[in-house]
Structures are given as structure tokens and as C-alpha cells.
């Protein structure tokens, strides 16, 4: 159905109503609900978006949470830390990109089946293309090989990284991700010390939760940073993490987690509703929440 660009945002009584949600840990200040609900309203749709925070009611298994959402008529769920890999075993079908990345962050319920997608991959690619279009991509250091790290690693490879250097506190996770990148035709290897590896990198990406307001700190010794490098972070509360602040101070180009958060939501909205979302409107909603909140 073609969207009427002149819509005033008033709900259309004949349009379908959508219910979505986000499952994750510590997500009470997420901006994701606002982005989806505001976009739905602008398109004349009715949308409810719930937060399912396992820090609040953590005793319920993930499988039971999916069952409940599906039985309650949800169109789908966004999935965030730490469930992007665990959820894959609970789905009927998983997209090719999700299989390659090894993680799902968007689940769509349709016709009695569950479909898994990964919009983080496209979200990071789109953010990088717009935010660091001319950045050198020879060796790129990636810190974090979890669900988000997998999406970012494959995105970096698709963006033309000569070699993705992967560091993770769990060596087996880093090895598995590097192997997956090579199997997909890219180049990747593991590194044990991100601070030492940073010296030979054109760019550095933090794909761990370190730097969030609830988990302050930096994922490497920032004394290793040099002005010729670029530094990206997927954390976006705060938008300028300690890592990005240190990188900016020495003259690095920086990329915050804002773009990835917005563009993954743009793609998820279309998967949930069948209608394309407006990135500029979603960005405006994201920014309207200021630094007083976070999103996933």
C-alpha cells in the first residue's frame, strides 16, 4: 500500500493496529518505543510498543516471553542484549543475513510462524556510509564478538575492510566470528590485546556494552589512539562515550551509536508493518529525547 505523504498523523480507523515490543536487560530508558510509535502515528497507524525488561522480571524464560507475545497478537519483537543469539533457536525461519551474522535482533510473527531478521547489520552499514564515507578501511579493530559484534563485523567486511581484527574477553567467541567472516569471503583474525592491536588499525569499533551509563569505562587504553584513526561506538547513551571523548580529543574522526540505532529501527518498522519508515522523522524523535534516555 502506498503511503500518503500528506498524512496529518491522525490514526486511521480503517488502518491496522500494530503491537510490538523490545526484549532486553536494563532497557527502561529506551528510545526505540518512541521512534516506532511516532512514525506509526505520522503514517496514520495505531501502534503500541512495550518494553519487556528482564532486569525487572528476569525469572521468565525467553521462550515463554516469545510465546506470550505471539499469543497476545504482537506483530513482532525487537531483541537486544543479551538475547540476540539465544533467540535464534526459538524461531521457525531465520534470514540469510541473520544466519551469516549469527544473531537476530528482530522477530516477526506471521501466519503462526516466527521469522528472525538482523537489522543491526544494515543499520551499522548505513550509519557508517553516511558518517564516515571516506574513512580508511585497511585493518579495523573490532572489540566485542557478541550479537551486536557479529553484525558489525560482517558490516565492516561488506564495507570493504581489508581485515577485521577481533578482540573479545571470550576467545572462543572471537575465533568463531573470525572464522565466519572468512567463510563469507572476508578477511579476519583474532587479537588477544585490543590496546596493542589498535596500533596497526585504521579504525576501531566498540561493540561491547562498556561505556554505557550503567557500565562506564573504556574497552581499551585510550593512550593508544592516534589522530589518523577513526573510532566508532555502538553505545549511544551517552552519545559521546568516554571512548569517543578520548578519540575526539586526539583528533580522531568519530561515529556515535545514534545512526545504527536509528537505521536498525527504520528497517525493523518496515518488517513489522510492511510500510517504509522515514529516517529523518525517526532521527528527530530519537534526538527529541535528549541525553536523558537511552535506546537499543
C-alpha atoms as a PDB file:
ATOM      1  CA  UNK A   1       0.000   0.000   0.000  1.00  0.00           C
ATOM      2  CA  UNK A   2       1.416   3.395  -0.932  1.00  0.00           C
ATOM      3  CA  UNK A   3       1.856   5.818   1.926  1.00  0.00           C
ATOM      4  CA  UNK A   4       0.080   9.158   1.717  1.00  0.00           C
ATOM      5  CA  UNK A   5       2.879  11.669   2.293  1.00  0.00           C
ATOM      6  CA  UNK A   6       0.308  14.351   3.131  1.00  0.00           C
ATOM      7  CA  UNK A   7      -0.988  12.399   6.116  1.00  0.00           C
ATOM      8  CA  UNK A   8      -1.503  14.514   9.226  1.00  0.00           C
ATOM      9  CA  UNK A   9      -0.612  11.754  11.629  1.00  0.00           C
ATOM     10  CA  UNK A  10      -4.184  11.215  12.829  1.00  0.00           C
ATOM     11  CA  UNK A  11      -4.909   7.492  13.341  1.00  0.00           C
ATOM     12  CA  UNK A  12      -6.918   5.958  10.533  1.00  0.00           C
ATOM     13  CA  UNK A  13      -9.768   3.859  11.974  1.00  0.00           C
ATOM     14  CA  UNK A  14      -9.552   1.572   8.944  1.00  0.00           C
ATOM     15  CA  UNK A  15      -5.780   1.045   9.194  1.00  0.00           C
ATOM     16  CA  UNK A  16      -4.421  -1.994  11.017  1.00  0.00           C
ATOM     17  CA  UNK A  17      -3.256  -1.691  14.621  1.00  0.00           C
ATOM     18  CA  UNK A  18       0.212  -2.959  15.486  1.00  0.00           C
ATOM     19  CA  UNK A  19       1.636  -4.114  18.776  1.00  0.00           C
ATOM     20  CA  UNK A  20       5.387  -4.557  19.096  1.00  0.00           C
ATOM     21  CA  UNK A  21       7.899  -4.797  21.906  1.00  0.00           C
ATOM     22  CA  UNK A  22      11.547  -4.890  22.915  1.00  0.00           C
ATOM     23  CA  UNK A  23      13.073  -7.686  24.990  1.00  0.00           C
ATOM     24  CA  UNK A  24      16.322  -6.924  26.755  1.00  0.00           C
ATOM     25  CA  UNK A  25      18.080  -6.208  30.007  1.00  0.00           C
ATOM     26  CA  UNK A  26      18.081  -2.732  31.535  1.00  0.00           C
ATOM     27  CA  UNK A  27      16.028  -1.063  28.797  1.00  0.00           C
ATOM     28  CA  UNK A  28      13.664   1.173  30.765  1.00  0.00           C
ATOM     29  CA  UNK A  29      15.003   4.351  29.122  1.00  0.00           C
ATOM     30  CA  UNK A  30      14.995   3.003  25.564  1.00  0.00           C
ATOM     31  CA  UNK A  31      14.129   5.424  22.766  1.00  0.00           C
ATOM     32  CA  UNK A  32      13.021   2.607  20.475  1.00  0.00           C
ATOM     33  CA  UNK A  33       9.339   2.706  21.524  1.00  0.00           C
ATOM     34  CA  UNK A  34       9.121   6.437  20.833  1.00  0.00           C
ATOM     35  CA  UNK A  35      10.663   6.064  17.364  1.00  0.00           C
ATOM     36  CA  UNK A  36       8.213   3.336  16.337  1.00  0.00           C
ATOM     37  CA  UNK A  37       5.108   4.910  17.838  1.00  0.00           C
ATOM     38  CA  UNK A  38       5.823   8.389  16.467  1.00  0.00           C
ATOM     39  CA  UNK A  39       6.472   7.014  12.976  1.00  0.00           C
ATOM     40  CA  UNK A  40       3.291   4.937  13.110  1.00  0.00           C
ATOM     41  CA  UNK A  41       1.283   7.988  14.143  1.00  0.00           C
ATOM     42  CA  UNK A  42       2.700  10.032  11.256  1.00  0.00           C
ATOM     43  CA  UNK A  43       1.547   7.305   8.884  1.00  0.00           C
ATOM     44  CA  UNK A  44      -1.941   7.239  10.394  1.00  0.00           C
ATOM     45  CA  UNK A  45      -1.405   3.871  12.076  1.00  0.00           C
ATOM     46  CA  UNK A  46      -2.196   2.747  15.592  1.00  0.00           C
ATOM     47  CA  UNK A  47       0.844   1.308  17.340  1.00  0.00           C
ATOM     48  CA  UNK A  48       1.627   0.129  20.839  1.00  0.00           C
ATOM     49  CA  UNK A  49       5.231  -0.677  21.747  1.00  0.00           C
ATOM     50  CA  UNK A  50       6.026  -2.405  25.048  1.00  0.00           C
ATOM     51  CA  UNK A  51       9.285  -2.737  26.944  1.00  0.00           C
ATOM     52  CA  UNK A  52       9.926  -6.251  28.248  1.00  0.00           C
ATOM     53  CA  UNK A  53      12.812  -5.656  30.629  1.00  0.00           C
ATOM     54  CA  UNK A  54      14.362  -8.776  32.143  1.00  0.00           C
ATOM     55  CA  UNK A  55      16.036  -6.689  34.840  1.00  0.00           C
ATOM     56  CA  UNK A  56      12.501  -6.079  36.106  1.00  0.00           C
ATOM     57  CA  UNK A  57      11.061  -9.596  35.766  1.00  0.00           C
ATOM     58  CA  UNK A  58      14.037 -11.790  34.968  1.00  0.00           C
ATOM     59  CA  UNK A  59      12.631 -15.123  36.125  1.00  0.00           C
ATOM     60  CA  UNK A  60      10.622 -15.728  32.930  1.00  0.00           C
ATOM     61  CA  UNK A  61      12.484 -17.760  30.268  1.00  0.00           C
ATOM     62  CA  UNK A  62      12.977 -16.190  26.851  1.00  0.00           C
ATOM     63  CA  UNK A  63      10.899 -18.934  25.208  1.00  0.00           C
ATOM     64  CA  UNK A  64       7.945 -18.113  27.445  1.00  0.00           C
ATOM     65  CA  UNK A  65       8.270 -14.418  26.642  1.00  0.00           C
ATOM     66  CA  UNK A  66       8.076 -15.120  22.919  1.00  0.00           C
ATOM     67  CA  UNK A  67       5.095 -17.428  23.439  1.00  0.00           C
ATOM     68  CA  UNK A  68       3.275 -14.744  25.385  1.00  0.00           C
ATOM     69  CA  UNK A  69       3.925 -12.035  22.813  1.00  0.00           C
ATOM     70  CA  UNK A  70       2.823 -14.250  19.932  1.00  0.00           C
ATOM     71  CA  UNK A  71      -0.328 -15.344  21.784  1.00  0.00           C
ATOM     72  CA  UNK A  72      -1.126 -11.710  22.585  1.00  0.00           C
ATOM     73  CA  UNK A  73      -1.112 -10.818  18.897  1.00  0.00           C
ATOM     74  CA  UNK A  74       2.158  -8.920  18.644  1.00  0.00           C
ATOM     75  CA  UNK A  75       3.347  -8.127  15.119  1.00  0.00           C
ATOM     76  CA  UNK A  76       6.868  -8.734  16.328  1.00  0.00           C
ATOM     77  CA  UNK A  77       9.639  -8.062  18.813  1.00  0.00           C
ATOM     78  CA  UNK A  78      12.961  -6.330  18.808  1.00  0.00           C
ATOM     79  CA  UNK A  79      15.635  -8.305  20.651  1.00  0.00           C
ATOM     80  CA  UNK A  80      18.610  -6.736  22.359  1.00  0.00           C
ATOM     81  CA  UNK A  81      21.401  -7.600  24.809  1.00  0.00           C
ATOM     82  CA  UNK A  82      21.878 -10.329  25.891  1.00  0.00           C
ATOM     83  CA  UNK A  83      19.379 -12.375  23.843  1.00  0.00           C
ATOM     84  CA  UNK A  84      20.298 -11.851  20.170  1.00  0.00           C
ATOM     85  CA  UNK A  85      21.959 -15.230  19.850  1.00  0.00           C
ATOM     86  CA  UNK A  86      19.787 -17.225  22.257  1.00  0.00           C
ATOM     87  CA  UNK A  87      16.601 -16.276  20.408  1.00  0.00           C
ATOM     88  CA  UNK A  88      17.662 -17.962  17.166  1.00  0.00           C
ATOM     89  CA  UNK A  89      16.827 -21.455  18.447  1.00  0.00           C
ATOM     90  CA  UNK A  90      13.252 -20.329  19.161  1.00  0.00           C
ATOM     91  CA  UNK A  91      12.379 -19.313  15.593  1.00  0.00           C
ATOM     92  CA  UNK A  92      10.874 -21.125  12.595  1.00  0.00           C
ATOM     93  CA  UNK A  93      12.873 -19.299   9.934  1.00  0.00           C
ATOM     94  CA  UNK A  94      15.968 -17.114  10.075  1.00  0.00           C
ATOM     95  CA  UNK A  95      17.000 -14.744   7.292  1.00  0.00           C
ATOM     96  CA  UNK A  96      20.204 -15.341   5.364  1.00  0.00           C
ATOM     97  CA  UNK A  97      21.786 -12.230   6.860  1.00  0.00           C
ATOM     98  CA  UNK A  98      20.911 -13.373  10.386  1.00  0.00           C
ATOM     99  CA  UNK A  99      22.416 -16.783   9.728  1.00  0.00           C
ATOM    100  CA  UNK A 100      25.592 -15.184   8.422  1.00  0.00           C
ATOM    101  CA  UNK A 101      25.816 -12.771  11.342  1.00  0.00           C
ATOM    102  CA  UNK A 102      24.827 -15.388  13.898  1.00  0.00           C
ATOM    103  CA  UNK A 103      22.324 -13.172  15.676  1.00  0.00           C
ATOM    104  CA  UNK A 104      18.730 -11.936  15.423  1.00  0.00           C
ATOM    105  CA  UNK A 105      17.510  -8.568  16.668  1.00  0.00           C
ATOM    106  CA  UNK A 106      14.052  -8.524  15.055  1.00  0.00           C
ATOM    107  CA  UNK A 107      11.394 -11.231  15.242  1.00  0.00           C
ATOM    108  CA  UNK A 108       8.262 -11.058  13.113  1.00  0.00           C
ATOM    109  CA  UNK A 109       5.170 -13.117  13.938  1.00  0.00           C
ATOM    110  CA  UNK A 110       3.179 -14.005  10.836  1.00  0.00           C
ATOM    111  CA  UNK A 111       0.732 -16.786   9.935  1.00  0.00           C
ATOM    112  CA  UNK A 112       1.600 -18.806  13.013  1.00  0.00           C
ATOM    113  CA  UNK A 113       5.350 -18.719  12.315  1.00  0.00           C
ATOM    114  CA  UNK A 114       8.304 -16.809  13.696  1.00  0.00           C
ATOM    115  CA  UNK A 115      10.763 -15.132  11.342  1.00  0.00           C
ATOM    116  CA  UNK A 116      14.129 -13.824  12.515  1.00  0.00           C
ATOM    117  CA  UNK A 117      15.961 -10.879  10.944  1.00  0.00           C
ATOM    118  CA  UNK A 118      19.048  -8.824  11.684  1.00  0.00           C
ATOM    119  CA  UNK A 119      18.614  -5.096  11.113  1.00  0.00           C
ATOM    120  CA  UNK A 120      21.769  -4.193  13.094  1.00  0.00           C
ATOM    121  CA  UNK A 121      23.922  -5.186  10.106  1.00  0.00           C
ATOM    122  CA  UNK A 122      22.201  -2.800   7.698  1.00  0.00           C
ATOM    123  CA  UNK A 123      21.891  -0.185  10.434  1.00  0.00           C
ATOM    124  CA  UNK A 124      25.640  -0.046  11.028  1.00  0.00           C
ATOM    125  CA  UNK A 125      26.415  -0.080   7.302  1.00  0.00           C
ATOM    126  CA  UNK A 126      24.071   2.838   6.639  1.00  0.00           C
ATOM    127  CA  UNK A 127      25.382   4.804   9.609  1.00  0.00           C
ATOM    128  CA  UNK A 128      28.992   4.256   8.519  1.00  0.00           C
ATOM    129  CA  UNK A 129      28.313   5.189   4.879  1.00  0.00           C
ATOM    130  CA  UNK A 130      26.771   8.477   5.962  1.00  0.00           C
ATOM    131  CA  UNK A 131      29.006   9.288   8.926  1.00  0.00           C
ATOM    132  CA  UNK A 132      32.469   8.117   7.784  1.00  0.00           C
ATOM    133  CA  UNK A 133      32.214   7.858   3.994  1.00  0.00           C
ATOM    134  CA  UNK A 134      35.915   8.436   3.311  1.00  0.00           C
ATOM    135  CA  UNK A 135      37.385   6.545   6.250  1.00  0.00           C
ATOM    136  CA  UNK A 136      40.298   4.202   5.560  1.00  0.00           C
ATOM    137  CA  UNK A 137      39.331   0.562   5.998  1.00  0.00           C
ATOM    138  CA  UNK A 138      42.562  -1.402   5.814  1.00  0.00           C
ATOM    139  CA  UNK A 139      42.772  -3.019   9.247  1.00  0.00           C
ATOM    140  CA  UNK A 140      39.799  -2.371  11.524  1.00  0.00           C
ATOM    141  CA  UNK A 141      39.849  -3.374  15.185  1.00  0.00           C
ATOM    142  CA  UNK A 142      36.510  -4.660  16.468  1.00  0.00           C
ATOM    143  CA  UNK A 143      36.096  -5.051  20.217  1.00  0.00           C
ATOM    144  CA  UNK A 144      33.244  -7.416  21.020  1.00  0.00           C
ATOM    145  CA  UNK A 145      32.129 -10.638  19.319  1.00  0.00           C
ATOM    146  CA  UNK A 146      28.627 -10.959  20.753  1.00  0.00           C
ATOM    147  CA  UNK A 147      25.311 -10.494  18.960  1.00  0.00           C
ATOM    148  CA  UNK A 148      25.941  -6.870  18.024  1.00  0.00           C
ATOM    149  CA  UNK A 149      29.621  -7.556  17.353  1.00  0.00           C
ATOM    150  CA  UNK A 150      28.738 -10.218  14.812  1.00  0.00           C
ATOM    151  CA  UNK A 151      26.534  -7.780  12.900  1.00  0.00           C
ATOM    152  CA  UNK A 152      29.218  -5.090  12.972  1.00  0.00           C
ATOM    153  CA  UNK A 153      31.985  -7.500  11.918  1.00  0.00           C
ATOM    154  CA  UNK A 154      30.087  -8.593   8.819  1.00  0.00           C
ATOM    155  CA  UNK A 155      29.120  -4.995   8.097  1.00  0.00           C
ATOM    156  CA  UNK A 156      32.773  -3.927   8.245  1.00  0.00           C
ATOM    157  CA  UNK A 157      33.708  -6.742   5.893  1.00  0.00           C
ATOM    158  CA  UNK A 158      30.919  -5.762   3.495  1.00  0.00           C
ATOM    159  CA  UNK A 159      32.078  -2.147   3.699  1.00  0.00           C
ATOM    160  CA  UNK A 160      35.463  -3.203   2.356  1.00  0.00           C
ATOM    161  CA  UNK A 161      37.615  -3.681   5.444  1.00  0.00           C
ATOM    162  CA  UNK A 162      40.894  -5.292   4.431  1.00  0.00           C
ATOM    163  CA  UNK A 163      40.993  -7.300   7.650  1.00  0.00           C
ATOM    164  CA  UNK A 164      38.787  -7.230  10.732  1.00  0.00           C
ATOM    165  CA  UNK A 165      40.836  -7.692  13.914  1.00  0.00           C
ATOM    166  CA  UNK A 166      38.529  -9.192  16.535  1.00  0.00           C
ATOM    167  CA  UNK A 167      39.047  -8.959  20.288  1.00  0.00           C
ATOM    168  CA  UNK A 168      36.721 -10.404  22.907  1.00  0.00           C
ATOM    169  CA  UNK A 169      37.028 -11.435  26.532  1.00  0.00           C
ATOM    170  CA  UNK A 170      35.780 -14.841  25.348  1.00  0.00           C
ATOM    171  CA  UNK A 171      38.484 -16.089  22.955  1.00  0.00           C
ATOM    172  CA  UNK A 172      36.235 -18.822  21.553  1.00  0.00           C
ATOM    173  CA  UNK A 173      33.640 -16.237  20.510  1.00  0.00           C
ATOM    174  CA  UNK A 174      36.300 -14.188  18.706  1.00  0.00           C
ATOM    175  CA  UNK A 175      37.643 -17.290  16.941  1.00  0.00           C
ATOM    176  CA  UNK A 176      34.156 -18.327  15.807  1.00  0.00           C
ATOM    177  CA  UNK A 177      33.366 -14.860  14.457  1.00  0.00           C
ATOM    178  CA  UNK A 178      36.664 -14.571  12.587  1.00  0.00           C
ATOM    179  CA  UNK A 179      36.017 -17.977  11.034  1.00  0.00           C
ATOM    180  CA  UNK A 180      32.527 -16.857   9.958  1.00  0.00           C
ATOM    181  CA  UNK A 181      33.911 -13.712   8.312  1.00  0.00           C
ATOM    182  CA  UNK A 182      36.461 -15.762   6.362  1.00  0.00           C
ATOM    183  CA  UNK A 183      33.796 -18.291   5.349  1.00  0.00           C
ATOM    184  CA  UNK A 184      31.779 -15.399   3.893  1.00  0.00           C
ATOM    185  CA  UNK A 185      34.724 -14.276   1.775  1.00  0.00           C
ATOM    186  CA  UNK A 186      36.204 -11.617   4.050  1.00  0.00           C
ATOM    187  CA  UNK A 187      39.436 -11.390   5.990  1.00  0.00           C
ATOM    188  CA  UNK A 188      39.532 -11.559   9.772  1.00  0.00           C
ATOM    189  CA  UNK A 189      41.758 -12.712  12.595  1.00  0.00           C
ATOM    190  CA  UNK A 190      41.643 -12.619  16.368  1.00  0.00           C
ATOM    191  CA  UNK A 191      43.778 -10.481  18.651  1.00  0.00           C
ATOM    192  CA  UNK A 192      44.287 -11.018  22.359  1.00  0.00           C
ATOM    193  CA  UNK A 193      45.065  -7.440  23.402  1.00  0.00           C
ATOM    194  CA  UNK A 194      42.968  -4.678  21.777  1.00  0.00           C
ATOM    195  CA  UNK A 195      45.270  -1.952  23.042  1.00  0.00           C
ATOM    196  CA  UNK A 196      48.286  -3.487  21.303  1.00  0.00           C
ATOM    197  CA  UNK A 197      46.269  -4.285  18.165  1.00  0.00           C
ATOM    198  CA  UNK A 198      44.987  -0.728  17.914  1.00  0.00           C
ATOM    199  CA  UNK A 199      48.444   0.495  16.866  1.00  0.00           C
ATOM    200  CA  UNK A 200      48.086  -1.209  13.488  1.00  0.00           C
ATOM    201  CA  UNK A 201      44.452  -0.293  12.881  1.00  0.00           C
ATOM    202  CA  UNK A 202      42.962   2.403  10.655  1.00  0.00           C
ATOM    203  CA  UNK A 203      39.762   2.334  12.675  1.00  0.00           C
ATOM    204  CA  UNK A 204      38.375   0.983  15.936  1.00  0.00           C
ATOM    205  CA  UNK A 205      34.818  -0.061  16.763  1.00  0.00           C
ATOM    206  CA  UNK A 206      33.485  -0.762  20.244  1.00  0.00           C
ATOM    207  CA  UNK A 207      30.687  -3.336  20.016  1.00  0.00           C
ATOM    208  CA  UNK A 208      30.559  -4.095  23.733  1.00  0.00           C
ATOM    209  CA  UNK A 209      28.302  -2.522  26.398  1.00  0.00           C
ATOM    210  CA  UNK A 210      31.342  -0.869  28.008  1.00  0.00           C
ATOM    211  CA  UNK A 211      30.763   2.865  28.002  1.00  0.00           C
ATOM    212  CA  UNK A 212      27.043   2.757  28.710  1.00  0.00           C
ATOM    213  CA  UNK A 213      25.815   4.924  31.568  1.00  0.00           C
ATOM    214  CA  UNK A 214      25.219   1.776  33.612  1.00  0.00           C
ATOM    215  CA  UNK A 215      28.597   0.267  32.617  1.00  0.00           C
ATOM    216  CA  UNK A 216      31.040   3.188  32.457  1.00  0.00           C
ATOM    217  CA  UNK A 217      34.586   2.820  31.232  1.00  0.00           C
ATOM    218  CA  UNK A 218      36.564   2.220  28.043  1.00  0.00           C
ATOM    219  CA  UNK A 219      37.255  -1.076  26.229  1.00  0.00           C
ATOM    220  CA  UNK A 220      40.961  -0.328  25.705  1.00  0.00           C
ATOM    221  CA  UNK A 221      43.686   2.017  26.906  1.00  0.00           C
ATOM    222  CA  UNK A 222      42.863   5.260  25.086  1.00  0.00           C
ATOM    223  CA  UNK A 223      46.516   6.315  25.207  1.00  0.00           C
ATOM    224  CA  UNK A 224      46.961   4.125  22.121  1.00  0.00           C
ATOM    225  CA  UNK A 225      44.704   6.305  19.967  1.00  0.00           C
ATOM    226  CA  UNK A 226      46.216   8.440  17.187  1.00  0.00           C
ATOM    227  CA  UNK A 227      44.792  11.300  15.134  1.00  0.00           C
ATOM    228  CA  UNK A 228      44.914   9.386  11.839  1.00  0.00           C
ATOM    229  CA  UNK A 229      42.426   6.815  13.137  1.00  0.00           C
ATOM    230  CA  UNK A 230      38.639   6.819  13.235  1.00  0.00           C
ATOM    231  CA  UNK A 231      36.691   5.467  16.198  1.00  0.00           C
ATOM    232  CA  UNK A 232      33.082   4.244  16.303  1.00  0.00           C
ATOM    233  CA  UNK A 233      30.915   3.124  19.200  1.00  0.00           C
ATOM    234  CA  UNK A 234      27.585   1.301  19.103  1.00  0.00           C
ATOM    235  CA  UNK A 235      26.683   2.620  22.571  1.00  0.00           C
ATOM    236  CA  UNK A 236      24.558   5.746  22.422  1.00  0.00           C
ATOM    237  CA  UNK A 237      23.735   6.600  25.984  1.00  0.00           C
ATOM    238  CA  UNK A 238      25.669   8.676  26.408  1.00  0.00           C
ATOM    239  CA  UNK A 239      26.065   9.661  22.754  1.00  0.00           C
ATOM    240  CA  UNK A 240      29.644  10.668  23.473  1.00  0.00           C
ATOM    241  CA  UNK A 241      31.066   7.759  25.415  1.00  0.00           C
ATOM    242  CA  UNK A 242      34.369   8.008  27.267  1.00  0.00           C
ATOM    243  CA  UNK A 243      35.960   6.255  24.286  1.00  0.00           C
ATOM    244  CA  UNK A 244      34.619   8.763  21.770  1.00  0.00           C
ATOM    245  CA  UNK A 245      35.515  11.698  24.006  1.00  0.00           C
ATOM    246  CA  UNK A 246      39.113  10.494  24.234  1.00  0.00           C
ATOM    247  CA  UNK A 247      39.252   9.846  20.497  1.00  0.00           C
ATOM    248  CA  UNK A 248      37.896  13.287  19.653  1.00  0.00           C
ATOM    249  CA  UNK A 249      40.444  14.873  21.985  1.00  0.00           C
ATOM    250  CA  UNK A 250      43.362  13.455  19.981  1.00  0.00           C
ATOM    251  CA  UNK A 251      41.835  14.409  16.629  1.00  0.00           C
ATOM    252  CA  UNK A 252      40.189  11.156  15.514  1.00  0.00           C
ATOM    253  CA  UNK A 253      37.068  11.123  13.389  1.00  0.00           C
ATOM    254  CA  UNK A 254      34.282   9.621  15.498  1.00  0.00           C
ATOM    255  CA  UNK A 255      30.958   7.910  14.880  1.00  0.00           C
ATOM    256  CA  UNK A 256      28.428   7.570  17.684  1.00  0.00           C
ATOM    257  CA  UNK A 257      25.864   4.810  18.050  1.00  0.00           C
ATOM    258  CA  UNK A 258      22.998   7.110  17.050  1.00  0.00           C
ATOM    259  CA  UNK A 259      22.975   6.178  13.369  1.00  0.00           C
ATOM    260  CA  UNK A 260      22.978   2.431  13.928  1.00  0.00           C
ATOM    261  CA  UNK A 261      20.147   2.767  16.447  1.00  0.00           C
ATOM    262  CA  UNK A 262      18.036   4.800  14.037  1.00  0.00           C
ATOM    263  CA  UNK A 263      18.619   2.766  10.900  1.00  0.00           C
ATOM    264  CA  UNK A 264      18.063  -0.594  12.570  1.00  0.00           C
ATOM    265  CA  UNK A 265      14.710   0.799  13.738  1.00  0.00           C
ATOM    266  CA  UNK A 266      13.898   2.030  10.228  1.00  0.00           C
ATOM    267  CA  UNK A 267      14.330  -1.469   8.836  1.00  0.00           C
ATOM    268  CA  UNK A 268      12.521  -3.118  11.762  1.00  0.00           C
ATOM    269  CA  UNK A 269       9.492  -0.828  11.347  1.00  0.00           C
ATOM    270  CA  UNK A 270       9.107  -1.938   7.740  1.00  0.00           C
ATOM    271  CA  UNK A 271       9.386  -5.597   8.744  1.00  0.00           C
ATOM    272  CA  UNK A 272       6.703  -5.146  11.410  1.00  0.00           C
ATOM    273  CA  UNK A 273       4.230  -3.059   9.412  1.00  0.00           C
ATOM    274  CA  UNK A 274       5.037  -3.642   5.745  1.00  0.00           C
ATOM    275  CA  UNK A 275       5.491   0.114   5.325  1.00  0.00           C
ATOM    276  CA  UNK A 276       8.766   2.010   4.850  1.00  0.00           C
ATOM    277  CA  UNK A 277       9.772   4.409   7.624  1.00  0.00           C
ATOM    278  CA  UNK A 278      11.157   7.918   7.252  1.00  0.00           C
ATOM    279  CA  UNK A 279      14.729   8.003   8.685  1.00  0.00           C
ATOM    280  CA  UNK A 280      14.639  11.766   9.214  1.00  0.00           C
ATOM    281  CA  UNK A 281      11.473  11.557  11.273  1.00  0.00           C
ATOM    282  CA  UNK A 282      12.904   8.724  13.344  1.00  0.00           C
ATOM    283  CA  UNK A 283      16.107  10.705  13.884  1.00  0.00           C
ATOM    284  CA  UNK A 284      14.087  13.728  15.036  1.00  0.00           C
ATOM    285  CA  UNK A 285      12.206  11.557  17.535  1.00  0.00           C
ATOM    286  CA  UNK A 286      15.450   9.999  18.752  1.00  0.00           C
ATOM    287  CA  UNK A 287      17.046  13.388  19.306  1.00  0.00           C
ATOM    288  CA  UNK A 288      13.945  14.871  20.934  1.00  0.00           C
ATOM    289  CA  UNK A 289      14.567  12.563  23.882  1.00  0.00           C
ATOM    290  CA  UNK A 290      17.918  14.246  24.501  1.00  0.00           C
ATOM    291  CA  UNK A 291      20.548  12.835  26.792  1.00  0.00           C
ATOM    292  CA  UNK A 292      18.050  11.886  29.486  1.00  0.00           C
ATOM    293  CA  UNK A 293      17.363   8.485  27.954  1.00  0.00           C
ATOM    294  CA  UNK A 294      18.903   5.591  26.123  1.00  0.00           C
ATOM    295  CA  UNK A 295      17.823   3.260  23.373  1.00  0.00           C
ATOM    296  CA  UNK A 296      18.570  -0.184  21.999  1.00  0.00           C
END
